[in-house]
Amino acid sequence: MKTSTIALVGAFLFAAGSITAQAADIAAGKAAFTKFTCASCHGADAKTPINPAYPILAGQHEDYLRHALHAYQRGQQNAPATANIRKNPIMGAMAAQLKPVDIDNIAAYLASLPSPLSTQE
């Protein structure tokens, strides 16, 4: 009984710590979204871009957003096409400024936003 209670308490504390860390990442992502002026093209809410050709970012899958930003960085670094790159002069220059933690935080923030792309209620 004591062992299961201790395990249950430990699992609860681990989960609570994860939720807190996630919230901090989302807050840092919102700050980075502002700092790197992402809203200037994608809209302040990340779902009303200034040009219809620009993607809606709010509600996208977090791993997709991370992958896309890394692909823009590789494209900016002239990595070979086999390295799964994205070439775009504007996004390449913007993504080149980002540290891995910025990418993680921005992706978490954008994925947390409600949008037509989101399955969140």
PDB file of N, CA and C in Angstrom:
ATOM      1  N   MET A   1       0.826  -1.195   0.000  1.00  0.00           N
ATOM      2  CA  MET A   1       0.000   0.000   0.000  1.00  0.00           C
ATOM      3  C   MET A   1       0.867   1.254   0.000  1.00  0.00           C
ATOM      4  N   LYS A   2       1.907   1.271   0.871  1.00  0.00           N
ATOM      5  CA  LYS A   2       2.775   2.443   0.942  1.00  0.00           C
ATOM      6  C   LYS A   2       3.505   2.656  -0.373  1.00  0.00           C
ATOM      7  N   THR A   3       3.947   1.581  -0.997  1.00  0.00           N
ATOM      8  CA  THR A   3       4.677   1.689  -2.250  1.00  0.00           C
ATOM      9  C   THR A   3       3.801   2.290  -3.347  1.00  0.00           C
ATOM     10  N   SER A   4       2.563   1.848  -3.444  1.00  0.00           N
ATOM     11  CA  SER A   4       1.670   2.382  -4.478  1.00  0.00           C
ATOM     12  C   SER A   4       1.320   3.835  -4.202  1.00  0.00           C
ATOM     13  N   THR A   5       1.180   4.194  -2.922  1.00  0.00           N
ATOM     14  CA  THR A   5       0.896   5.587  -2.574  1.00  0.00           C
ATOM     15  C   THR A   5       2.075   6.472  -2.935  1.00  0.00           C
ATOM     16  N   ILE A   6       3.266   6.032  -2.627  1.00  0.00           N
ATOM     17  CA  ILE A   6       4.468   6.800  -2.957  1.00  0.00           C
ATOM     18  C   ILE A   6       4.602   6.937  -4.473  1.00  0.00           C
ATOM     19  N   ALA A   7       4.354   5.857  -5.202  1.00  0.00           N
ATOM     20  CA  ALA A   7       4.434   5.902  -6.660  1.00  0.00           C
ATOM     21  C   ALA A   7       3.393   6.866  -7.222  1.00  0.00           C
ATOM     22  N   LEU A   8       2.192   6.844  -6.670  1.00  0.00           N
ATOM     23  CA  LEU A   8       1.125   7.732  -7.129  1.00  0.00           C
ATOM     24  C   LEU A   8       1.481   9.200  -6.871  1.00  0.00           C
ATOM     25  N   VAL A   9       2.005   9.489  -5.690  1.00  0.00           N
ATOM     26  CA  VAL A   9       2.414  10.852  -5.357  1.00  0.00           C
ATOM     27  C   VAL A   9       3.555  11.296  -6.280  1.00  0.00           C
ATOM     28  N   GLY A  10       4.501  10.414  -6.518  1.00  0.00           N
ATOM     29  CA  GLY A  10       5.611  10.735  -7.413  1.00  0.00           C
ATOM     30  C   GLY A  10       5.123  11.026  -8.820  1.00  0.00           C
ATOM     31  N   ALA A  11       4.196  10.224  -9.325  1.00  0.00           N
ATOM     32  CA  ALA A  11       3.644  10.444 -10.662  1.00  0.00           C
ATOM     33  C   ALA A  11       2.908  11.776 -10.729  1.00  0.00           C
ATOM     34  N   PHE A  12       2.171  12.103  -9.671  1.00  0.00           N
ATOM     35  CA  PHE A  12       1.452  13.379  -9.637  1.00  0.00           C
ATOM     36  C   PHE A  12       2.427  14.549  -9.666  1.00  0.00           C
ATOM     37  N   LEU A  13       3.463  14.486  -8.857  1.00  0.00           N
ATOM     38  CA  LEU A  13       4.445  15.574  -8.827  1.00  0.00           C
ATOM     39  C   LEU A  13       5.161  15.720 -10.168  1.00  0.00           C
ATOM     40  N   PHE A  14       5.477  14.602 -10.809  1.00  0.00           N
ATOM     41  CA  PHE A  14       6.117  14.639 -12.121  1.00  0.00           C
ATOM     42  C   PHE A  14       5.194  15.310 -13.135  1.00  0.00           C
ATOM     43  N   ALA A  15       3.913  14.922 -13.127  1.00  0.00           N
ATOM     44  CA  ALA A  15       2.945  15.507 -14.059  1.00  0.00           C
ATOM     45  C   ALA A  15       2.767  16.999 -13.791  1.00  0.00           C
ATOM     46  N   ALA A  16       2.693  17.385 -12.544  1.00  0.00           N
ATOM     47  CA  ALA A  16       2.537  18.799 -12.199  1.00  0.00           C
ATOM     48  C   ALA A  16       3.754  19.596 -12.655  1.00  0.00           C
ATOM     49  N   GLY A  17       4.935  19.035 -12.508  1.00  0.00           N
ATOM     50  CA  GLY A  17       6.154  19.699 -12.972  1.00  0.00           C
ATOM     51  C   GLY A  17       6.172  19.845 -14.477  1.00  0.00           C
ATOM     52  N   SER A  18       5.677  18.850 -15.194  1.00  0.00           N
ATOM     53  CA  SER A  18       5.620  18.907 -16.650  1.00  0.00           C
ATOM     54  C   SER A  18       4.672  19.985 -17.121  1.00  0.00           C
ATOM     55  N   ILE A  19       3.524  20.113 -16.456  1.00  0.00           N
ATOM     56  CA  ILE A  19       2.556  21.134 -16.836  1.00  0.00           C
ATOM     57  C   ILE A  19       3.148  22.515 -16.610  1.00  0.00           C
ATOM     58  N   THR A  20       3.833  22.718 -15.503  1.00  0.00           N
ATOM     59  CA  THR A  20       4.460  23.997 -15.212  1.00  0.00           C
ATOM     60  C   THR A  20       5.527  24.322 -16.239  1.00  0.00           C
ATOM     61  N   ALA A  21       6.348  23.339 -16.590  1.00  0.00           N
ATOM     62  CA  ALA A  21       7.395  23.572 -17.583  1.00  0.00           C
ATOM     63  C   ALA A  21       6.783  23.917 -18.925  1.00  0.00           C
ATOM     64  N   GLN A  22       5.688  23.238 -19.300  1.00  0.00           N
ATOM     65  CA  GLN A  22       5.041  23.512 -20.572  1.00  0.00           C
ATOM     66  C   GLN A  22       4.505  24.947 -20.596  1.00  0.00           C
ATOM     67  N   ALA A  23       3.900  25.385 -19.518  1.00  0.00           N
ATOM     68  CA  ALA A  23       3.369  26.740 -19.469  1.00  0.00           C
ATOM     69  C   ALA A  23       4.484  27.763 -19.626  1.00  0.00           C
ATOM     70  N   ALA A  24       5.634  27.510 -19.011  1.00  0.00           N
ATOM     71  CA  ALA A  24       6.766  28.420 -19.146  1.00  0.00           C
ATOM     72  C   ALA A  24       7.249  28.458 -20.581  1.00  0.00           C
ATOM     73  N   ASP A  25       7.267  27.319 -21.269  1.00  0.00           N
ATOM     74  CA  ASP A  25       7.693  27.272 -22.658  1.00  0.00           C
ATOM     75  C   ASP A  25       6.728  28.059 -23.544  1.00  0.00           C
ATOM     76  N   ILE A  26       5.450  27.939 -23.274  1.00  0.00           N
ATOM     77  CA  ILE A  26       4.457  28.660 -24.064  1.00  0.00           C
ATOM     78  C   ILE A  26       4.605  30.163 -23.848  1.00  0.00           C
ATOM     79  N   ALA A  27       4.810  30.570 -22.623  1.00  0.00           N
ATOM     80  CA  ALA A  27       5.009  31.997 -22.339  1.00  0.00           C
ATOM     81  C   ALA A  27       6.278  32.505 -23.015  1.00  0.00           C
ATOM     82  N   ALA A  28       7.335  31.717 -22.955  1.00  0.00           N
ATOM     83  CA  ALA A  28       8.586  32.107 -23.620  1.00  0.00           C
ATOM     84  C   ALA A  28       8.396  32.123 -25.133  1.00  0.00           C
ATOM     85  N   GLY A  29       7.578  31.222 -25.643  1.00  0.00           N
ATOM     86  CA  GLY A  29       7.295  31.189 -27.076  1.00  0.00           C
ATOM     87  C   GLY A  29       6.541  32.424 -27.531  1.00  0.00           C
ATOM     88  N   LYS A  30       5.589  32.857 -26.722  1.00  0.00           N
ATOM     89  CA  LYS A  30       4.851  34.080 -27.047  1.00  0.00           C
ATOM     90  C   LYS A  30       5.800  35.269 -27.075  1.00  0.00           C
ATOM     91  N   ALA A  31       6.707  35.327 -26.101  1.00  0.00           N
ATOM     92  CA  ALA A  31       7.690  36.414 -26.057  1.00  0.00           C
ATOM     93  C   ALA A  31       8.618  36.366 -27.276  1.00  0.00           C
ATOM     94  N   ALA A  32       9.042  35.172 -27.659  1.00  0.00           N
ATOM     95  CA  ALA A  32       9.922  35.036 -28.830  1.00  0.00           C
ATOM     96  C   ALA A  32       9.169  35.377 -30.111  1.00  0.00           C
ATOM     97  N   PHE A  33       7.903  34.990 -30.210  1.00  0.00           N
ATOM     98  CA  PHE A  33       7.072  35.326 -31.373  1.00  0.00           C
ATOM     99  C   PHE A  33       7.041  36.838 -31.556  1.00  0.00           C
ATOM    100  N   THR A  34       6.929  37.557 -30.448  1.00  0.00           N
ATOM    101  CA  THR A  34       6.924  39.021 -30.482  1.00  0.00           C
ATOM    102  C   THR A  34       8.322  39.558 -30.791  1.00  0.00           C
ATOM    103  N   LYS A  35       9.319  39.052 -30.102  1.00  0.00           N
ATOM    104  CA  LYS A  35      10.700  39.527 -30.256  1.00  0.00           C
ATOM    105  C   LYS A  35      11.192  39.394 -31.697  1.00  0.00           C
ATOM    106  N   PHE A  36      10.878  38.287 -32.340  1.00  0.00           N
ATOM    107  CA  PHE A  36      11.367  38.046 -33.696  1.00  0.00           C
ATOM    108  C   PHE A  36      10.380  38.526 -34.765  1.00  0.00           C
ATOM    109  N   THR A  37       9.420  39.337 -34.385  1.00  0.00           N
ATOM    110  CA  THR A  37       8.446  40.005 -35.252  1.00  0.00           C
ATOM    111  C   THR A  37       7.715  39.064 -36.218  1.00  0.00           C
ATOM    112  N   CYS A  38       7.384  37.892 -35.746  1.00  0.00           N
ATOM    113  CA  CYS A  38       6.641  36.925 -36.570  1.00  0.00           C
ATOM    114  C   CYS A  38       5.279  37.490 -36.979  1.00  0.00           C
ATOM    115  N   ALA A  39       4.697  38.315 -36.106  1.00  0.00           N
ATOM    116  CA  ALA A  39       3.370  38.880 -36.360  1.00  0.00           C
ATOM    117  C   ALA A  39       3.371  39.812 -37.566  1.00  0.00           C
ATOM    118  N   SER A  40       4.506  40.355 -37.926  1.00  0.00           N
ATOM    119  CA  SER A  40       4.539  41.291 -39.049  1.00  0.00           C
ATOM    120  C   SER A  40       4.105  40.624 -40.352  1.00  0.00           C
ATOM    121  N   CYS A  41       4.243  39.331 -40.466  1.00  0.00           N
ATOM    122  CA  CYS A  41       3.769  38.603 -41.652  1.00  0.00           C
ATOM    123  C   CYS A  41       2.594  37.679 -41.343  1.00  0.00           C
ATOM    124  N   HIS A  42       2.643  37.019 -40.185  1.00  0.00           N
ATOM    125  CA  HIS A  42       1.654  35.985 -39.873  1.00  0.00           C
ATOM    126  C   HIS A  42       0.474  36.487 -39.048  1.00  0.00           C
ATOM    127  N   GLY A  43       0.489  37.766 -38.674  1.00  0.00           N
ATOM    128  CA  GLY A  43      -0.596  38.345 -37.885  1.00  0.00           C
ATOM    129  C   GLY A  43      -0.367  38.195 -36.394  1.00  0.00           C
ATOM    130  N   ALA A  44      -0.884  39.120 -35.634  1.00  0.00           N
ATOM    131  CA  ALA A  44      -0.685  39.111 -34.180  1.00  0.00           C
ATOM    132  C   ALA A  44      -1.270  37.862 -33.537  1.00  0.00           C
ATOM    133  N   ASP A  45      -2.329  37.321 -34.136  1.00  0.00           N
ATOM    134  CA  ASP A  45      -2.945  36.106 -33.605  1.00  0.00           C
ATOM    135  C   ASP A  45      -2.416  34.848 -34.281  1.00  0.00           C
ATOM    136  N   ALA A  46      -1.476  34.998 -35.192  1.00  0.00           N
ATOM    137  CA  ALA A  46      -0.841  33.910 -35.949  1.00  0.00           C
ATOM    138  C   ALA A  46      -1.822  33.161 -36.846  1.00  0.00           C
ATOM    139  N   LYS A  47      -3.000  33.765 -37.072  1.00  0.00           N
ATOM    140  CA  LYS A  47      -3.960  33.131 -37.979  1.00  0.00           C
ATOM    141  C   LYS A  47      -4.563  34.105 -38.977  1.00  0.00           C
ATOM    142  N   THR A  48      -4.050  35.328 -39.004  1.00  0.00           N
ATOM    143  CA  THR A  48      -4.484  36.308 -39.995  1.00  0.00           C
ATOM    144  C   THR A  48      -3.258  36.911 -40.677  1.00  0.00           C
ATOM    145  N   PRO A  49      -2.618  36.123 -41.569  1.00  0.00           N
ATOM    146  CA  PRO A  49      -1.420  36.624 -42.239  1.00  0.00           C
ATOM    147  C   PRO A  49      -1.733  37.829 -43.127  1.00  0.00           C
ATOM    148  N   ILE A  50      -0.728  38.650 -43.371  1.00  0.00           N
ATOM    149  CA  ILE A  50      -0.919  39.852 -44.186  1.00  0.00           C
ATOM    150  C   ILE A  50      -1.095  39.513 -45.665  1.00  0.00           C
ATOM    151  N   ASN A  51      -0.707  38.321 -46.059  1.00  0.00           N
ATOM    152  CA  ASN A  51      -0.824  37.862 -47.436  1.00  0.00           C
ATOM    153  C   ASN A  51      -1.465  36.479 -47.392  1.00  0.00           C
ATOM    154  N   PRO A  52      -2.488  36.234 -48.178  1.00  0.00           N
ATOM    155  CA  PRO A  52      -3.137  34.920 -48.133  1.00  0.00           C
ATOM    156  C   PRO A  52      -2.203  33.756 -48.468  1.00  0.00           C
ATOM    157  N   ALA A  53      -1.097  34.042 -49.123  1.00  0.00           N
ATOM    158  CA  ALA A  53      -0.135  32.988 -49.456  1.00  0.00           C
ATOM    159  C   ALA A  53       0.689  32.567 -48.242  1.00  0.00           C
ATOM    160  N   TYR A  54       0.703  33.383 -47.203  1.00  0.00           N
ATOM    161  CA  TYR A  54       1.462  33.055 -45.999  1.00  0.00           C
ATOM    162  C   TYR A  54       0.638  32.103 -45.146  1.00  0.00           C
ATOM    163  N   PRO A  55       1.282  31.142 -44.518  1.00  0.00           N
ATOM    164  CA  PRO A  55       0.509  30.139 -43.773  1.00  0.00           C
ATOM    165  C   PRO A  55      -0.053  30.646 -42.443  1.00  0.00           C
ATOM    166  N   ILE A  56      -1.157  30.042 -42.053  1.00  0.00           N
ATOM    167  CA  ILE A  56      -1.696  30.212 -40.707  1.00  0.00           C
ATOM    168  C   ILE A  56      -0.836  29.335 -39.798  1.00  0.00           C
ATOM    169  N   LEU A  57      -0.298  29.912 -38.753  1.00  0.00           N
ATOM    170  CA  LEU A  57       0.582  29.168 -37.849  1.00  0.00           C
ATOM    171  C   LEU A  57      -0.142  28.686 -36.594  1.00  0.00           C
ATOM    172  N   ALA A  58      -1.127  29.440 -36.146  1.00  0.00           N
ATOM    173  CA  ALA A  58      -1.854  29.072 -34.929  1.00  0.00           C
ATOM    174  C   ALA A  58      -2.525  27.715 -35.116  1.00  0.00           C
ATOM    175  N   GLY A  59      -2.342  26.843 -34.135  1.00  0.00           N
ATOM    176  CA  GLY A  59      -2.989  25.546 -34.155  1.00  0.00           C
ATOM    177  C   GLY A  59      -2.272  24.477 -34.961  1.00  0.00           C
ATOM    178  N   GLN A  60      -1.163  24.832 -35.610  1.00  0.00           N
ATOM    179  CA  GLN A  60      -0.387  23.815 -36.326  1.00  0.00           C
ATOM    180  C   GLN A  60       0.212  22.847 -35.315  1.00  0.00           C
ATOM    181  N   HIS A  61       0.564  21.669 -35.766  1.00  0.00           N
ATOM    182  CA  HIS A  61       1.203  20.697 -34.885  1.00  0.00           C
ATOM    183  C   HIS A  61       2.595  21.195 -34.487  1.00  0.00           C
ATOM    184  N   GLU A  62       2.891  21.044 -33.223  1.00  0.00           N
ATOM    185  CA  GLU A  62       4.156  21.531 -32.674  1.00  0.00           C
ATOM    186  C   GLU A  62       5.362  20.924 -33.386  1.00  0.00           C
ATOM    187  N   ASP A  63       5.337  19.617 -33.625  1.00  0.00           N
ATOM    188  CA  ASP A  63       6.490  18.987 -34.269  1.00  0.00           C
ATOM    189  C   ASP A  63       6.647  19.453 -35.711  1.00  0.00           C
ATOM    190  N   TYR A  64       5.552  19.728 -36.397  1.00  0.00           N
ATOM    191  CA  TYR A  64       5.614  20.248 -37.762  1.00  0.00           C
ATOM    192  C   TYR A  64       6.273  21.628 -37.777  1.00  0.00           C
ATOM    193  N   LEU A  65       5.871  22.490 -36.847  1.00  0.00           N
ATOM    194  CA  LEU A  65       6.441  23.834 -36.783  1.00  0.00           C
ATOM    195  C   LEU A  65       7.938  23.789 -36.484  1.00  0.00           C
ATOM    196  N   ARG A  66       8.328  22.932 -35.552  1.00  0.00           N
ATOM    197  CA  ARG A  66       9.751  22.772 -35.235  1.00  0.00           C
ATOM    198  C   ARG A  66      10.519  22.314 -36.467  1.00  0.00           C
ATOM    199  N   HIS A  67       9.984  21.306 -37.133  1.00  0.00           N
ATOM    200  CA  HIS A  67      10.640  20.765 -38.323  1.00  0.00           C
ATOM    201  C   HIS A  67      10.780  21.841 -39.407  1.00  0.00           C
ATOM    202  N   ALA A  68       9.720  22.604 -39.641  1.00  0.00           N
ATOM    203  CA  ALA A  68       9.754  23.637 -40.675  1.00  0.00           C
ATOM    204  C   ALA A  68      10.809  24.700 -40.370  1.00  0.00           C
ATOM    205  N   LEU A  69      10.877  25.149 -39.130  1.00  0.00           N
ATOM    206  CA  LEU A  69      11.866  26.178 -38.784  1.00  0.00           C
ATOM    207  C   LEU A  69      13.292  25.657 -38.930  1.00  0.00           C
ATOM    208  N   HIS A  70      13.518  24.412 -38.540  1.00  0.00           N
ATOM    209  CA  HIS A  70      14.852  23.828 -38.733  1.00  0.00           C
ATOM    210  C   HIS A  70      15.171  23.687 -40.223  1.00  0.00           C
ATOM    211  N   ALA A  71      14.172  23.328 -41.032  1.00  0.00           N
ATOM    212  CA  ALA A  71      14.383  23.197 -42.477  1.00  0.00           C
ATOM    213  C   ALA A  71      14.726  24.550 -43.103  1.00  0.00           C
ATOM    214  N   TYR A  72      14.103  25.629 -42.643  1.00  0.00           N
ATOM    215  CA  TYR A  72      14.467  26.970 -43.116  1.00  0.00           C
ATOM    216  C   TYR A  72      15.901  27.310 -42.722  1.00  0.00           C
ATOM    217  N   GLN A  73      16.300  26.927 -41.513  1.00  0.00           N
ATOM    218  CA  GLN A  73      17.687  27.170 -41.095  1.00  0.00           C
ATOM    219  C   GLN A  73      18.662  26.417 -41.989  1.00  0.00           C
ATOM    220  N   ARG A  74      18.362  25.142 -42.269  1.00  0.00           N
ATOM    221  CA  ARG A  74      19.242  24.365 -43.147  1.00  0.00           C
ATOM    222  C   ARG A  74      19.302  24.973 -44.544  1.00  0.00           C
ATOM    223  N   GLY A  75      18.187  25.453 -45.043  1.00  0.00           N
ATOM    224  CA  GLY A  75      18.158  26.099 -46.353  1.00  0.00           C
ATOM    225  C   GLY A  75      18.998  27.361 -46.378  1.00  0.00           C
ATOM    226  N   GLN A  76      18.952  28.117 -45.300  1.00  0.00           N
ATOM    227  CA  GLN A  76      19.754  29.344 -45.189  1.00  0.00           C
ATOM    228  C   GLN A  76      21.243  29.032 -45.132  1.00  0.00           C
ATOM    229  N   GLN A  77      21.581  27.862 -44.599  1.00  0.00           N
ATOM    230  CA  GLN A  77      22.986  27.453 -44.475  1.00  0.00           C
ATOM    231  C   GLN A  77      23.477  26.744 -45.729  1.00  0.00           C
ATOM    232  N   ASN A  78      22.641  26.729 -46.770  1.00  0.00           N
ATOM    233  CA  ASN A  78      22.973  26.063 -48.034  1.00  0.00           C
ATOM    234  C   ASN A  78      23.282  24.583 -47.863  1.00  0.00           C
ATOM    235  N   ALA A  79      22.547  23.934 -46.985  1.00  0.00           N
ATOM    236  CA  ALA A  79      22.689  22.487 -46.815  1.00  0.00           C
ATOM    237  C   ALA A  79      22.232  21.810 -48.110  1.00  0.00           C
ATOM    238  N   PRO A  80      22.717  20.599 -48.380  1.00  0.00           N
ATOM    239  CA  PRO A  80      22.281  19.904 -49.595  1.00  0.00           C
ATOM    240  C   PRO A  80      20.783  19.593 -49.532  1.00  0.00           C
ATOM    241  N   ALA A  81      20.173  19.500 -50.701  1.00  0.00           N
ATOM    242  CA  ALA A  81      18.735  19.250 -50.776  1.00  0.00           C
ATOM    243  C   ALA A  81      18.341  17.960 -50.058  1.00  0.00           C
ATOM    244  N   THR A  82      19.254  17.028 -49.964  1.00  0.00           N
ATOM    245  CA  THR A  82      18.968  15.775 -49.271  1.00  0.00           C
ATOM    246  C   THR A  82      18.818  15.977 -47.768  1.00  0.00           C
ATOM    247  N   ALA A  83      19.171  17.155 -47.266  1.00  0.00           N
ATOM    248  CA  ALA A  83      19.067  17.452 -45.833  1.00  0.00           C
ATOM    249  C   ALA A  83      17.681  17.955 -45.461  1.00  0.00           C
ATOM    250  N   ASN A  84      16.707  17.829 -46.378  1.00  0.00           N
ATOM    251  CA  ASN A  84      15.339  18.279 -46.135  1.00  0.00           C
ATOM    252  C   ASN A  84      15.335  19.760 -45.781  1.00  0.00           C
ATOM    253  N   ILE A  85      15.552  20.579 -46.790  1.00  0.00           N
ATOM    254  CA  ILE A  85      15.656  22.027 -46.600  1.00  0.00           C
ATOM    255  C   ILE A  85      14.417  22.734 -47.118  1.00  0.00           C
ATOM    256  N   ARG A  86      14.263  23.956 -46.676  1.00  0.00           N
ATOM    257  CA  ARG A  86      13.263  24.871 -47.226  1.00  0.00           C
ATOM    258  C   ARG A  86      14.012  26.134 -47.598  1.00  0.00           C
ATOM    259  N   LYS A  87      13.803  26.574 -48.821  1.00  0.00           N
ATOM    260  CA  LYS A  87      14.449  27.794 -49.304  1.00  0.00           C
ATOM    261  C   LYS A  87      13.411  28.896 -49.429  1.00  0.00           C
ATOM    262  N   ASN A  88      13.594  29.934 -48.654  1.00  0.00           N
ATOM    263  CA  ASN A  88      12.775  31.122 -48.737  1.00  0.00           C
ATOM    264  C   ASN A  88      13.613  32.234 -48.134  1.00  0.00           C
ATOM    265  N   PRO A  89      13.907  33.276 -48.894  1.00  0.00           N
ATOM    266  CA  PRO A  89      14.818  34.302 -48.373  1.00  0.00           C
ATOM    267  C   PRO A  89      14.328  34.988 -47.099  1.00  0.00           C
ATOM    268  N   ILE A  90      13.032  35.210 -46.993  1.00  0.00           N
ATOM    269  CA  ILE A  90      12.515  35.890 -45.792  1.00  0.00           C
ATOM    270  C   ILE A  90      12.525  34.944 -44.594  1.00  0.00           C
ATOM    271  N   MET A  91      11.910  33.783 -44.751  1.00  0.00           N
ATOM    272  CA  MET A  91      11.852  32.845 -43.624  1.00  0.00           C
ATOM    273  C   MET A  91      13.240  32.301 -43.283  1.00  0.00           C
ATOM    274  N   GLY A  92      14.081  32.115 -44.265  1.00  0.00           N
ATOM    275  CA  GLY A  92      15.437  31.651 -43.988  1.00  0.00           C
ATOM    276  C   GLY A  92      16.182  32.636 -43.092  1.00  0.00           C
ATOM    277  N   ALA A  93      16.078  33.915 -43.429  1.00  0.00           N
ATOM    278  CA  ALA A  93      16.743  34.947 -42.624  1.00  0.00           C
ATOM    279  C   ALA A  93      16.143  35.036 -41.227  1.00  0.00           C
ATOM    280  N   MET A  94      14.826  34.884 -41.126  1.00  0.00           N
ATOM    281  CA  MET A  94      14.186  34.944 -39.817  1.00  0.00           C
ATOM    282  C   MET A  94      14.578  33.731 -38.971  1.00  0.00           C
ATOM    283  N   ALA A  95      14.529  32.544 -39.565  1.00  0.00           N
ATOM    284  CA  ALA A  95      14.831  31.309 -38.824  1.00  0.00           C
ATOM    285  C   ALA A  95      16.302  31.241 -38.426  1.00  0.00           C
ATOM    286  N   ALA A  96      17.174  31.843 -39.214  1.00  0.00           N
ATOM    287  CA  ALA A  96      18.608  31.810 -38.912  1.00  0.00           C
ATOM    288  C   ALA A  96      18.911  32.461 -37.563  1.00  0.00           C
ATOM    289  N   GLN A  97      18.071  33.369 -37.129  1.00  0.00           N
ATOM    290  CA  GLN A  97      18.280  34.069 -35.849  1.00  0.00           C
ATOM    291  C   GLN A  97      17.898  33.231 -34.636  1.00  0.00           C
ATOM    292  N   LEU A  98      17.141  32.166 -34.864  1.00  0.00           N
ATOM    293  CA  LEU A  98      16.562  31.410 -33.756  1.00  0.00           C
ATOM    294  C   LEU A  98      17.517  30.374 -33.186  1.00  0.00           C
ATOM    295  N   LYS A  99      17.558  30.307 -31.866  1.00  0.00           N
ATOM    296  CA  LYS A  99      18.265  29.240 -31.165  1.00  0.00           C
ATOM    297  C   LYS A  99      17.324  28.051 -31.055  1.00  0.00           C
ATOM    298  N   PRO A 100      17.846  26.851 -30.820  1.00  0.00           N
ATOM    299  CA  PRO A 100      16.955  25.692 -30.671  1.00  0.00           C
ATOM    300  C   PRO A 100      15.869  25.893 -29.617  1.00  0.00           C
ATOM    301  N   VAL A 101      16.180  26.545 -28.527  1.00  0.00           N
ATOM    302  CA  VAL A 101      15.169  26.780 -27.479  1.00  0.00           C
ATOM    303  C   VAL A 101      14.096  27.737 -27.977  1.00  0.00           C
ATOM    304  N   ASP A 102      14.466  28.710 -28.806  1.00  0.00           N
ATOM    305  CA  ASP A 102      13.475  29.616 -29.381  1.00  0.00           C
ATOM    306  C   ASP A 102      12.504  28.841 -30.265  1.00  0.00           C
ATOM    307  N   ILE A 103      13.048  27.948 -31.081  1.00  0.00           N
ATOM    308  CA  ILE A 103      12.211  27.142 -31.969  1.00  0.00           C
ATOM    309  C   ILE A 103      11.242  26.291 -31.155  1.00  0.00           C
ATOM    310  N   ASP A 104      11.739  25.631 -30.128  1.00  0.00           N
ATOM    311  CA  ASP A 104      10.877  24.799 -29.281  1.00  0.00           C
ATOM    312  C   ASP A 104       9.768  25.628 -28.634  1.00  0.00           C
ATOM    313  N   ASN A 105      10.136  26.791 -28.114  1.00  0.00           N
ATOM    314  CA  ASN A 105       9.164  27.632 -27.422  1.00  0.00           C
ATOM    315  C   ASN A 105       8.131  28.230 -28.373  1.00  0.00           C
ATOM    316  N   ILE A 106       8.576  28.712 -29.519  1.00  0.00           N
ATOM    317  CA  ILE A 106       7.651  29.274 -30.501  1.00  0.00           C
ATOM    318  C   ILE A 106       6.698  28.193 -30.999  1.00  0.00           C
ATOM    319  N   ALA A 107       7.225  27.014 -31.278  1.00  0.00           N
ATOM    320  CA  ALA A 107       6.381  25.909 -31.748  1.00  0.00           C
ATOM    321  C   ALA A 107       5.335  25.541 -30.693  1.00  0.00           C
ATOM    322  N   ALA A 108       5.732  25.500 -29.424  1.00  0.00           N
ATOM    323  CA  ALA A 108       4.788  25.178 -28.345  1.00  0.00           C
ATOM    324  C   ALA A 108       3.712  26.254 -28.238  1.00  0.00           C
ATOM    325  N   TYR A 109       4.121  27.506 -28.329  1.00  0.00           N
ATOM    326  CA  TYR A 109       3.167  28.612 -28.245  1.00  0.00           C
ATOM    327  C   TYR A 109       2.159  28.552 -29.394  1.00  0.00           C
ATOM    328  N   LEU A 110       2.647  28.438 -30.617  1.00  0.00           N
ATOM    329  CA  LEU A 110       1.762  28.433 -31.780  1.00  0.00           C
ATOM    330  C   LEU A 110       0.810  27.241 -31.758  1.00  0.00           C
ATOM    331  N   ALA A 111       1.316  26.093 -31.359  1.00  0.00           N
ATOM    332  CA  ALA A 111       0.477  24.892 -31.300  1.00  0.00           C
ATOM    333  C   ALA A 111      -0.626  25.034 -30.248  1.00  0.00           C
ATOM    334  N   SER A 112      -0.391  25.849 -29.236  1.00  0.00           N
ATOM    335  CA  SER A 112      -1.380  26.014 -28.169  1.00  0.00           C
ATOM    336  C   SER A 112      -2.518  26.956 -28.547  1.00  0.00           C
ATOM    337  N   LEU A 113      -2.365  27.694 -29.631  1.00  0.00           N
ATOM    338  CA  LEU A 113      -3.368  28.692 -30.012  1.00  0.00           C
ATOM    339  C   LEU A 113      -4.554  28.056 -30.734  1.00  0.00           C
ATOM    340  N   PRO A 114      -5.742  28.509 -30.414  1.00  0.00           N
ATOM    341  CA  PRO A 114      -6.913  28.000 -31.142  1.00  0.00           C
ATOM    342  C   PRO A 114      -6.956  28.603 -32.547  1.00  0.00           C
ATOM    343  N   SER A 115      -7.421  27.810 -33.484  1.00  0.00           N
ATOM    344  CA  SER A 115      -7.549  28.283 -34.856  1.00  0.00           C
ATOM    345  C   SER A 115      -8.397  27.302 -35.638  1.00  0.00           C
ATOM    346  N   PRO A 116      -8.687  27.622 -36.881  1.00  0.00           N
ATOM    347  CA  PRO A 116      -9.430  26.667 -37.713  1.00  0.00           C
ATOM    348  C   PRO A 116      -8.644  25.375 -37.934  1.00  0.00           C
ATOM    349  N   LEU A 117      -7.336  25.409 -37.732  1.00  0.00           N
ATOM    350  CA  LEU A 117      -6.505  24.229 -37.923  1.00  0.00           C
ATOM    351  C   LEU A 117      -6.491  23.327 -36.693  1.00  0.00           C
ATOM    352  N   SER A 118      -6.950  23.851 -35.581  1.00  0.00           N
ATOM    353  CA  SER A 118      -6.828  23.162 -34.309  1.00  0.00           C
ATOM    354  C   SER A 118      -8.010  22.244 -34.042  1.00  0.00           C
ATOM    355  N   THR A 119      -7.712  21.159 -33.341  1.00  0.00           N
ATOM    356  CA  THR A 119      -8.775  20.268 -32.891  1.00  0.00           C
ATOM    357  C   THR A 119      -9.130  20.544 -31.435  1.00  0.00           C
ATOM    358  N   GLN A 120      -8.514  21.577 -30.872  1.00  0.00           N
ATOM    359  CA  GLN A 120      -8.777  21.939 -29.481  1.00  0.00           C
ATOM    360  C   GLN A 120     -10.135  22.600 -29.384  1.00  0.00           C
ATOM    361  N   GLU A 121     -10.799  22.400 -28.273  1.00  0.00           N
ATOM    362  CA  GLU A 121     -12.118  23.009 -28.046  1.00  0.00           C
ATOM    363  C   GLU A 121     -11.951  24.293 -27.283  1.00  0.00           C
TER     364      GLU A 121
END
